C-alpha atoms as a PDB file:
ATOM      1  CA  MET A   1     -23.209  11.227  -3.107  1.00  0.00           C
ATOM      2  CA  GLU A   2     -20.665  12.852  -0.801  1.00  0.00           C
ATOM      3  CA  LYS A   3     -17.111  12.784  -2.103  1.00  0.00           C
ATOM      4  CA  LYS A   4     -14.946  10.059  -0.636  1.00  0.00           C
ATOM      5  CA  LEU A   5     -12.471  11.337   1.933  1.00  0.00           C
ATOM      6  CA  VAL A   6      -8.688  10.960   1.612  1.00  0.00           C
ATOM      7  CA  TYR A   7      -6.046  11.893   4.179  1.00  0.00           C
ATOM      8  CA  ASP A   8      -2.680  12.979   2.752  1.00  0.00           C
ATOM      9  CA  ILE A   9      -0.430  12.881   5.810  1.00  0.00           C
ATOM     10  CA  GLY A  10       2.825  14.478   4.719  1.00  0.00           C
ATOM     11  CA  MET A  11       1.545  16.657   1.881  1.00  0.00           C
ATOM     12  CA  HIS A  12       4.991  18.073   1.046  1.00  0.00           C
ATOM     13  CA  THR A  13       4.597  19.876  -2.330  1.00  0.00           C
ATOM     14  CA  GLY A  14       1.164  18.376  -2.935  1.00  0.00           C
ATOM     15  CA  GLN A  15       2.029  15.856  -5.647  1.00  0.00           C
ATOM     16  CA  ASP A  16      -0.371  13.317  -4.139  1.00  0.00           C
ATOM     17  CA  THR A  17      -2.908  15.896  -3.009  1.00  0.00           C
ATOM     18  CA  ILE A  18      -3.470  17.171  -6.548  1.00  0.00           C
ATOM     19  CA  THR A  19      -3.869  13.602  -7.835  1.00  0.00           C
ATOM     20  CA  TYR A  20      -6.610  12.896  -5.302  1.00  0.00           C
ATOM     21  CA  LEU A  21      -8.355  16.198  -6.004  1.00  0.00           C
ATOM     22  CA  LYS A  22      -8.338  15.664  -9.770  1.00  0.00           C
ATOM     23  CA  LYS A  23      -9.876  12.232  -9.224  1.00  0.00           C
ATOM     24  CA  GLY A  24     -12.755  13.834  -7.360  1.00  0.00           C
ATOM     25  CA  TYR A  25     -11.876  13.059  -3.759  1.00  0.00           C
ATOM     26  CA  LYS A  26     -12.208  15.343  -0.766  1.00  0.00           C
ATOM     27  CA  VAL A  27      -8.797  15.748   0.856  1.00  0.00           C
ATOM     28  CA  ILE A  28      -7.494  16.533   4.328  1.00  0.00           C
ATOM     29  CA  ALA A  29      -3.796  17.336   3.808  1.00  0.00           C
ATOM     30  CA  VAL A  30      -1.383  17.529   6.740  1.00  0.00           C
ATOM     31  CA  GLU A  31       1.951  19.328   6.441  1.00  0.00           C
ATOM     32  CA  ALA A  32       4.180  20.251   9.389  1.00  0.00           C
ATOM     33  CA  SER A  33       6.422  22.666   7.484  1.00  0.00           C
ATOM     34  CA  PRO A  34       4.934  26.189   7.699  1.00  0.00           C
ATOM     35  CA  VAL A  35       6.590  27.138   4.394  1.00  0.00           C
ATOM     36  CA  LEU A  36       5.225  24.145   2.472  1.00  0.00           C
ATOM     37  CA  ALA A  37       1.785  24.492   4.067  1.00  0.00           C
ATOM     38  CA  GLU A  38       1.596  28.148   3.017  1.00  0.00           C
ATOM     39  CA  GLU A  39       2.758  27.299  -0.508  1.00  0.00           C
ATOM     40  CA  GLY A  40       0.084  24.604  -0.689  1.00  0.00           C
ATOM     41  CA  MET A  41      -2.619  27.033   0.402  1.00  0.00           C
ATOM     42  CA  LYS A  42      -1.645  29.384  -2.434  1.00  0.00           C
ATOM     43  CA  LYS A  43      -1.239  26.642  -5.036  1.00  0.00           C
ATOM     44  CA  PHE A  44      -4.526  24.909  -4.250  1.00  0.00           C
ATOM     45  CA  ARG A  45      -6.632  27.946  -3.355  1.00  0.00           C
ATOM     46  CA  LYS A  46      -9.505  27.056  -5.703  1.00  0.00           C
ATOM     47  CA  TYR A  47      -9.882  23.619  -4.090  1.00  0.00           C
ATOM     48  CA  ILE A  48      -9.804  25.148  -0.618  1.00  0.00           C
ATOM     49  CA  ASP A  49     -12.433  27.689  -1.650  1.00  0.00           C
ATOM     50  CA  ASP A  50     -14.809  25.057  -3.063  1.00  0.00           C
ATOM     51  CA  GLY A  51     -14.468  22.888   0.064  1.00  0.00           C
ATOM     52  CA  SER A  52     -12.622  19.995  -1.573  1.00  0.00           C
ATOM     53  CA  LEU A  53      -9.379  20.564   0.346  1.00  0.00           C
ATOM     54  CA  THR A  54      -8.417  21.346   3.922  1.00  0.00           C
ATOM     55  CA  ILE A  55      -4.726  21.919   4.675  1.00  0.00           C
ATOM     56  CA  LEU A  56      -3.632  21.544   8.288  1.00  0.00           C
ATOM     57  CA  ASN A  57      -0.265  23.017   9.265  1.00  0.00           C
ATOM     58  CA  VAL A  58       0.296  20.579  12.124  1.00  0.00           C
ATOM     59  CA  GLY A  59       2.433  17.594  12.961  1.00  0.00           C
ATOM     60  CA  ILE A  60       1.397  14.080  13.921  1.00  0.00           C
ATOM     61  CA  SER A  61       2.304  12.702  17.329  1.00  0.00           C
ATOM     62  CA  ASP A  62       1.013  10.207  19.877  1.00  0.00           C
ATOM     63  CA  LYS A  63      -0.455  13.049  21.921  1.00  0.00           C
ATOM     64  CA  GLU A  64      -1.453  16.658  21.430  1.00  0.00           C
ATOM     65  CA  GLY A  65       1.249  19.241  22.119  1.00  0.00           C
ATOM     66  CA  ILE A  66       4.090  21.277  20.650  1.00  0.00           C
ATOM     67  CA  LEU A  67       7.224  19.547  19.385  1.00  0.00           C
ATOM     68  CA  PRO A  68      10.432  20.684  17.631  1.00  0.00           C
ATOM     69  CA  PHE A  69      10.348  20.084  13.858  1.00  0.00           C
ATOM     70  CA  TYR A  70      13.678  19.784  12.049  1.00  0.00           C
ATOM     71  CA  ILE A  71      13.402  21.463   8.639  1.00  0.00           C
ATOM     72  CA  ASN A  72      16.128  20.158   6.359  1.00  0.00           C
ATOM     73  CA  LEU A  73      17.490  23.055   4.296  1.00  0.00           C
ATOM     74  CA  LYS A  74      19.060  20.810   1.660  1.00  0.00           C
ATOM     75  CA  THR A  75      16.308  18.308   0.917  1.00  0.00           C
ATOM     76  CA  SER A  76      12.808  19.234   2.066  1.00  0.00           C
ATOM     77  CA  GLU A  77      11.669  15.578   1.947  1.00  0.00           C
ATOM     78  CA  TRP A  78      13.998  14.840   4.871  1.00  0.00           C
ATOM     79  CA  SER A  79      12.338  17.320   7.242  1.00  0.00           C
ATOM     80  CA  SER A  80      11.019  15.491  10.279  1.00  0.00           C
ATOM     81  CA  PHE A  81      10.215  15.535  13.984  1.00  0.00           C
ATOM     82  CA  ASP A  82      12.924  12.883  14.187  1.00  0.00           C
ATOM     83  CA  PHE A  83      16.277  14.637  14.536  1.00  0.00           C
ATOM     84  CA  ALA A  84      18.236  11.910  12.742  1.00  0.00           C
ATOM     85  CA  SER A  85      15.979  12.189   9.687  1.00  0.00           C
ATOM     86  CA  GLY A  86      15.807  15.969   9.686  1.00  0.00           C
ATOM     87  CA  SER A  87      19.579  16.370   9.875  1.00  0.00           C
ATOM     88  CA  ARG A  88      20.705  13.307   7.902  1.00  0.00           C
ATOM     89  CA  ASN A  89      24.067  13.344   6.131  1.00  0.00           C
ATOM     90  CA  ASN A  90      25.074  16.326   8.304  1.00  0.00           C
ATOM     91  CA  SER A  91      22.923  18.578   6.136  1.00  0.00           C
ATOM     92  CA  PRO A  92      21.896  22.038   7.421  1.00  0.00           C
ATOM     93  CA  TYR A  93      18.554  22.386   9.173  1.00  0.00           C
ATOM     94  CA  GLU A  94      16.488  24.792  11.219  1.00  0.00           C
ATOM     95  CA  VAL A  95      14.116  24.068  14.083  1.00  0.00           C
ATOM     96  CA  LYS A  96      10.491  25.229  14.366  1.00  0.00           C
ATOM     97  CA  ASP A  97       8.075  24.481  17.197  1.00  0.00           C
ATOM     98  CA  ILE A  98       4.970  22.946  15.630  1.00  0.00           C
ATOM     99  CA  GLN A  99       1.571  22.114  17.106  1.00  0.00           C
ATOM    100  CA  CYS A 100       0.895  18.370  16.904  1.00  0.00           C
ATOM    101  CA  ILE A 101      -2.288  16.318  16.939  1.00  0.00           C
ATOM    102  CA  THR A 102      -3.041  12.609  16.851  1.00  0.00           C
ATOM    103  CA  THR A 103      -4.462  10.713  13.900  1.00  0.00           C
ATOM    104  CA  ALA A 104      -7.198   9.391  16.166  1.00  0.00           C
ATOM    105  CA  ASP A 105      -8.301  12.966  16.909  1.00  0.00           C
ATOM    106  CA  MET A 106      -8.387  13.658  13.158  1.00  0.00           C
ATOM    107  CA  PHE A 107     -10.609  10.631  12.588  1.00  0.00           C
ATOM    108  CA  GLN A 108     -12.965  11.916  15.255  1.00  0.00           C
ATOM    109  CA  LYS A 109     -13.067  15.480  13.914  1.00  0.00           C
ATOM    110  CA  TYR A 110     -13.007  14.935  10.143  1.00  0.00           C
ATOM    111  CA  GLY A 111     -14.182  11.344   9.757  1.00  0.00           C
ATOM    112  CA  VAL A 112     -12.631   7.990   8.868  1.00  0.00           C
ATOM    113  CA  PRO A 113     -11.150   8.251   5.351  1.00  0.00           C
ATOM    114  CA  TYR A 114     -11.468   5.977   2.344  1.00  0.00           C
ATOM    115  CA  LEU A 115      -7.668   6.202   1.944  1.00  0.00           C
ATOM    116  CA  LEU A 116      -5.027   7.039   4.512  1.00  0.00           C
ATOM    117  CA  LYS A 117      -1.741   7.920   2.790  1.00  0.00           C
ATOM    118  CA  VAL A 118       1.205   8.471   5.131  1.00  0.00           C
ATOM    119  CA  ASP A 119       4.765   9.609   4.481  1.00  0.00           C
ATOM    120  CA  ILE A 120       6.253  11.410   7.479  1.00  0.00           C
ATOM    121  CA  GLU A 121       9.888  10.333   7.492  1.00  0.00           C
ATOM    122  CA  GLY A 122      10.155   7.402   9.863  1.00  0.00           C
ATOM    123  CA  LEU A 123       7.123   8.292  11.975  1.00  0.00           C
ATOM    124  CA  ASP A 124       4.443   6.615   9.852  1.00  0.00           C
ATOM    125  CA  TYR A 125       3.830   4.213  12.727  1.00  0.00           C
ATOM    126  CA  LEU A 126       2.079   7.004  14.652  1.00  0.00           C
ATOM    127  CA  CYS A 127      -0.717   6.977  12.063  1.00  0.00           C
ATOM    128  CA  ILE A 128      -0.747   3.207  11.615  1.00  0.00           C
ATOM    129  CA  ASN A 129      -1.032   2.661  15.371  1.00  0.00           C
ATOM    130  CA  ASP A 130      -4.130   4.891  15.428  1.00  0.00           C
ATOM    131  CA  LEU A 131      -5.956   3.020  12.683  1.00  0.00           C
ATOM    132  CA  PRO A 132      -9.344   1.839  13.983  1.00  0.00           C
ATOM    133  CA  GLU A 133      -9.731  -1.910  14.037  1.00  0.00           C
ATOM    134  CA  VAL A 134     -11.597  -3.150  11.023  1.00  0.00           C
ATOM    135  CA  GLY A 135     -15.181  -4.028  11.750  1.00  0.00           C
ATOM    136  CA  VAL A 136     -18.239  -4.844   9.687  1.00  0.00           C
ATOM    137  CA  GLY A 137     -18.774  -1.935   7.339  1.00  0.00           C
ATOM    138  CA  LYS A 138     -16.233   0.348   8.982  1.00  0.00           C
ATOM    139  CA  GLY A 139     -12.532   1.118   8.960  1.00  0.00           C
ATOM    140  CA  VAL A 140     -10.151   2.780   6.515  1.00  0.00           C
ATOM    141  CA  GLN A 141     -10.612   1.013   3.182  1.00  0.00           C
ATOM    142  CA  TYR A 142      -7.061   1.570   1.906  1.00  0.00           C
ATOM    143  CA  VAL A 143      -3.783   2.415   3.612  1.00  0.00           C
ATOM    144  CA  SER A 144      -0.495   3.489   2.020  1.00  0.00           C
ATOM    145  CA  CYS A 145       2.660   4.092   4.044  1.00  0.00           C
ATOM    146  CA  GLU A 146       6.417   4.004   3.612  1.00  0.00           C
ATOM    147  CA  ALA A 147       7.735   0.483   4.227  1.00  0.00           C
ATOM    148  CA  SER A 148      10.300   1.567   6.786  1.00  0.00           C
ATOM    149  CA  ASP A 149       9.745  -1.244   9.289  1.00  0.00           C
ATOM    150  CA  VAL A 150       8.208  -4.701   9.227  1.00  0.00           C
ATOM    151  CA  ALA A 151       6.244  -3.724  12.346  1.00  0.00           C
ATOM    152  CA  LEU A 152       4.008  -1.557  10.138  1.00  0.00           C
ATOM    153  CA  ILE A 153       2.595  -4.509   8.207  1.00  0.00           C
ATOM    154  CA  ASP A 154       2.324  -6.484  11.461  1.00  0.00           C
ATOM    155  CA  THR A 155       0.225  -3.694  12.989  1.00  0.00           C
ATOM    156  CA  MET A 156      -2.013  -3.425   9.936  1.00  0.00           C
ATOM    157  CA  TYR A 157      -2.600  -7.163   9.998  1.00  0.00           C
ATOM    158  CA  ALA A 158      -3.456  -6.986  13.696  1.00  0.00           C
ATOM    159  CA  LYS A 159      -5.951  -4.209  12.880  1.00  0.00           C
ATOM    160  CA  GLY A 160      -7.747  -6.509  10.432  1.00  0.00           C
ATOM    161  CA  TYR A 161      -6.112  -5.854   7.040  1.00  0.00           C
ATOM    162  CA  ARG A 162      -5.686  -8.973   4.946  1.00  0.00           C
ATOM    163  CA  LYS A 163      -4.478  -7.896   1.477  1.00  0.00           C
ATOM    164  CA  PHE A 164      -1.154  -6.194   0.816  1.00  0.00           C
ATOM    165  CA  LYS A 165       1.269  -4.943  -1.827  1.00  0.00           C
ATOM    166  CA  LEU A 166       4.912  -3.847  -1.644  1.00  0.00           C
ATOM    167  CA  ILE A 167       5.411  -1.128  -4.265  1.00  0.00           C
ATOM    168  CA  HIS A 168       8.774   0.163  -5.535  1.00  0.00           C
ATOM    169  CA  GLN A 169       8.917   3.946  -5.068  1.00  0.00           C
ATOM    170  CA  ALA A 170      12.078   4.504  -7.082  1.00  0.00           C
ATOM    171  CA  TYR A 171      11.222   2.428 -10.137  1.00  0.00           C
ATOM    172  CA  ASN A 172       7.890   3.252 -11.770  1.00  0.00           C
ATOM    173  CA  PHE A 173       5.758   2.108  -8.815  1.00  0.00           C
ATOM    174  CA  ASN A 174       6.168  -1.561  -9.752  1.00  0.00           C
ATOM    175  CA  PRO A 175       5.594  -4.438  -7.328  1.00  0.00           C
ATOM    176  CA  ILE A 176       8.764  -5.681  -5.649  1.00  0.00           C
ATOM    177  CA  ASP A 177      10.838  -8.097  -7.745  1.00  0.00           C
ATOM    178  CA  LEU A 178      13.472  -9.830  -5.626  1.00  0.00           C
ATOM    179  CA  ASP A 179      15.268 -11.245  -8.668  1.00  0.00           C
ATOM    180  CA  LEU A 180      15.716  -7.709  -9.972  1.00  0.00           C
ATOM    181  CA  GLU A 181      16.863  -6.484  -6.552  1.00  0.00           C
ATOM    182  CA  LYS A 182      19.469  -9.249  -6.407  1.00  0.00           C
ATOM    183  CA  ASN A 183      20.965  -8.105  -9.706  1.00  0.00           C
ATOM    184  CA  LYS A 184      24.128  -6.213  -8.708  1.00  0.00           C
ATOM    185  CA  LEU A 185      23.726  -3.892 -11.692  1.00  0.00           C
ATOM    186  CA  PHE A 186      20.263  -2.685 -10.693  1.00  0.00           C
ATOM    187  CA  PRO A 187      21.413  -0.042  -8.134  1.00  0.00           C
ATOM    188  CA  TYR A 188      23.754   1.389 -10.782  1.00  0.00           C
ATOM    189  CA  PHE A 189      20.855   1.534 -13.223  1.00  0.00           C
ATOM    190  CA  LEU A 190      18.763   3.462 -10.661  1.00  0.00           C
ATOM    191  CA  THR A 191      21.672   5.836 -10.068  1.00  0.00           C
ATOM    192  CA  PHE A 192      21.292   7.031 -13.660  1.00  0.00           C
ATOM    193  CA  TYR A 193      17.556   6.440 -14.077  1.00  0.00           C
ATOM    194  CA  ILE A 194      16.326   8.531 -11.139  1.00  0.00           C
ATOM    195  CA  PRO A 195      18.066  11.831 -12.090  1.00  0.00           C
ATOM    196  CA  LEU A 196      16.974  11.361 -15.710  1.00  0.00           C
ATOM    197  CA  LYS A 197      13.354  10.900 -14.633  1.00  0.00           C
ATOM    198  CA  ILE A 198      13.518  14.000 -12.423  1.00  0.00           C
ATOM    199  CA  ARG A 199      14.856  16.092 -15.315  1.00  0.00           C
ATOM    200  CA  PHE A 200      12.306  14.611 -17.724  1.00  0.00           C
ATOM    201  CA  GLN A 201       9.319  15.406 -15.500  1.00  0.00           C
ATOM    202  CA  LYS A 202      10.381  19.049 -15.239  1.00  0.00           C
ATOM    203  CA  ILE A 203       9.824  19.325 -18.994  1.00  0.00           C
ATOM    204  CA  PHE A 204       7.027  16.797 -19.471  1.00  0.00           C
ATOM    205  CA  PRO A 205       4.817  16.630 -16.371  1.00  0.00           C
ATOM    206  CA  LEU A 206       4.015  13.053 -15.361  1.00  0.00           C
ATOM    207  CA  GLU A 207       0.779  11.818 -13.837  1.00  0.00           C
ATOM    208  CA  TYR A 208       2.797  10.174 -11.068  1.00  0.00           C
ATOM    209  CA  PRO A 209       6.123  12.012 -10.784  1.00  0.00           C
ATOM    210  CA  TYR A 210       9.161  10.815  -8.906  1.00  0.00           C
ATOM    211  CA  SER A 211       8.802  11.466  -5.144  1.00  0.00           C
ATOM    212  CA  SER A 212       5.015  11.111  -5.304  1.00  0.00           C
ATOM    213  CA  SER A 213       3.340   8.046  -3.798  1.00  0.00           C
ATOM    214  CA  GLY A 214       2.205   6.901  -7.237  1.00  0.00           C
ATOM    215  CA  PRO A 215      -1.169   5.380  -8.127  1.00  0.00           C
ATOM    216  CA  MET A 216      -3.732   4.949  -5.375  1.00  0.00           C
ATOM    217  CA  PRO A 217      -3.591   1.466  -3.836  1.00  0.00           C
ATOM    218  CA  HIS A 218      -6.637   0.140  -5.691  1.00  0.00           C
ATOM    219  CA  GLU A 219      -5.146   1.399  -8.989  1.00  0.00           C
ATOM    220  CA  SER A 220      -1.561   0.282  -8.363  1.00  0.00           C
ATOM    221  CA  LYS A 221       0.263  -2.413 -10.303  1.00  0.00           C
ATOM    222  CA  GLY A 222       0.366  -6.057  -9.286  1.00  0.00           C
ATOM    223  CA  GLN A 223      -1.930  -8.430  -7.479  1.00  0.00           C
ATOM    224  CA  TRP A 224      -2.990  -8.162  -3.875  1.00  0.00           C
ATOM    225  CA  MET A 225      -1.176 -10.761  -1.771  1.00  0.00           C
ATOM    226  CA  ASP A 226      -1.647 -12.174   1.694  1.00  0.00           C
ATOM    227  CA  TYR A 227       0.111 -10.867   4.784  1.00  0.00           C
ATOM    228  CA  ALA A 228       2.620 -13.711   5.123  1.00  0.00           C
ATOM    229  CA  THR A 229       3.761 -13.414   1.500  1.00  0.00           C
ATOM    230  CA  VAL A 230       4.324  -9.652   1.548  1.00  0.00           C
ATOM    231  CA  ARG A 231       5.928  -9.733   4.971  1.00  0.00           C
ATOM    232  CA  GLN A 232       8.394 -12.361   3.766  1.00  0.00           C
ATOM    233  CA  LEU A 233       9.186 -10.336   0.635  1.00  0.00           C
ATOM    234  CA  TYR A 234      10.021  -7.368   2.849  1.00  0.00           C
ATOM    235  CA  VAL A 235      12.172  -9.479   5.178  1.00  0.00           C
ATOM    236  CA  ASP A 236      13.977 -11.072   2.227  1.00  0.00           C
ATOM    237  CA  PHE A 237      14.715  -7.666   0.708  1.00  0.00           C
ATOM    238  CA  TYR A 238      16.370  -6.625   3.984  1.00  0.00           C
ATOM    239  CA  GLN A 239      18.056 -10.048   4.228  1.00  0.00           C
ATOM    240  CA  GLY A 240      16.456 -11.017   7.498  1.00  0.00           C
ATOM    241  CA  ASP A 241      18.381 -10.227  10.649  1.00  0.00           C
ATOM    242  CA  MET A 242      21.121  -8.546   8.619  1.00  0.00           C
ATOM    243  CA  LYS A 243      18.739  -5.628   8.035  1.00  0.00           C
ATOM    244  CA  LYS A 244      20.816  -4.759   4.988  1.00  0.00           C
ATOM    245  CA  PRO A 245      18.802  -4.054   1.817  1.00  0.00           C
ATOM    246  CA  LEU A 246      19.606  -5.938  -1.340  1.00  0.00           C
ATOM    247  CA  GLY A 247      19.725  -2.605  -3.164  1.00  0.00           C
ATOM    248  CA  HIS A 248      20.630   0.696  -1.503  1.00  0.00           C
ATOM    249  CA  LYS A 249      18.763   2.705  -4.155  1.00  0.00           C
ATOM    250  CA  SER A 250      15.448   0.896  -3.683  1.00  0.00           C
ATOM    251  CA  TRP A 251      12.660   1.701  -1.257  1.00  0.00           C
ATOM    252  CA  PHE A 252       9.028   0.695  -1.036  1.00  0.00           C
ATOM    253  CA  ASP A 253       5.562   1.533   0.207  1.00  0.00           C
ATOM    254  CA  PHE A 254       3.171  -0.872   1.887  1.00  0.00           C
ATOM    255  CA  HIS A 255      -0.366  -0.823   0.496  1.00  0.00           C
ATOM    256  CA  ALA A 256      -3.093  -2.503   2.502  1.00  0.00           C
ATOM    257  CA  THR A 257      -6.803  -3.144   2.179  1.00  0.00           C
ATOM    258  CA  LEU A 258      -9.480  -5.119   3.970  1.00  0.00           C
END
């Protein structure tokens, strides 16, 4: 049987890529940063050589072309084609012109994946918008993206996805717990917990380290819920029209399946 295909859009240092490879998946990894793409090619050479991994040093856009990419020199995770993200907190950055492609073109060239994982700093919608509509026996089985806008879950629902999760990326990849988020002490706890976890994983490597996307959607914690329930949880976390999160240290990923 041919290995199932996974797209890792926003490979970064390859924390998710290596997880997928070790689980036996074939991976197409996309990374706009030339430095990180080159590092990935060296780090994962054996997987590239055996055909399990393809690394594309390109960006994702709504059309093919060359766009300026803002490489954050303080925190590589902030690098983005969006200037506000790439230069956030007045941090230093440099600009590189990067060739961009569309997700739809990738689907056509490499095939429709079993899992589409996206984390491209505020531009996840470009991939979500290009998802093929779910039909009988076709479509991306699982989708994982940063929950940066309620429009993302609306688009996935419109594409035919019916089961969702909202997973905490800063706290052990747990399902969202609004009671915990409403606890005024929780952000202070995360302020100490996150640096401790980062230091710990440098000594004792974790299966799902901080800044990775965590377990694959079908292996993640919690029960699958319907669209209306997860959408409301997201809206409640951002306190509706206030668009002010209950906890400034918390952020989440949407997981979706058919």
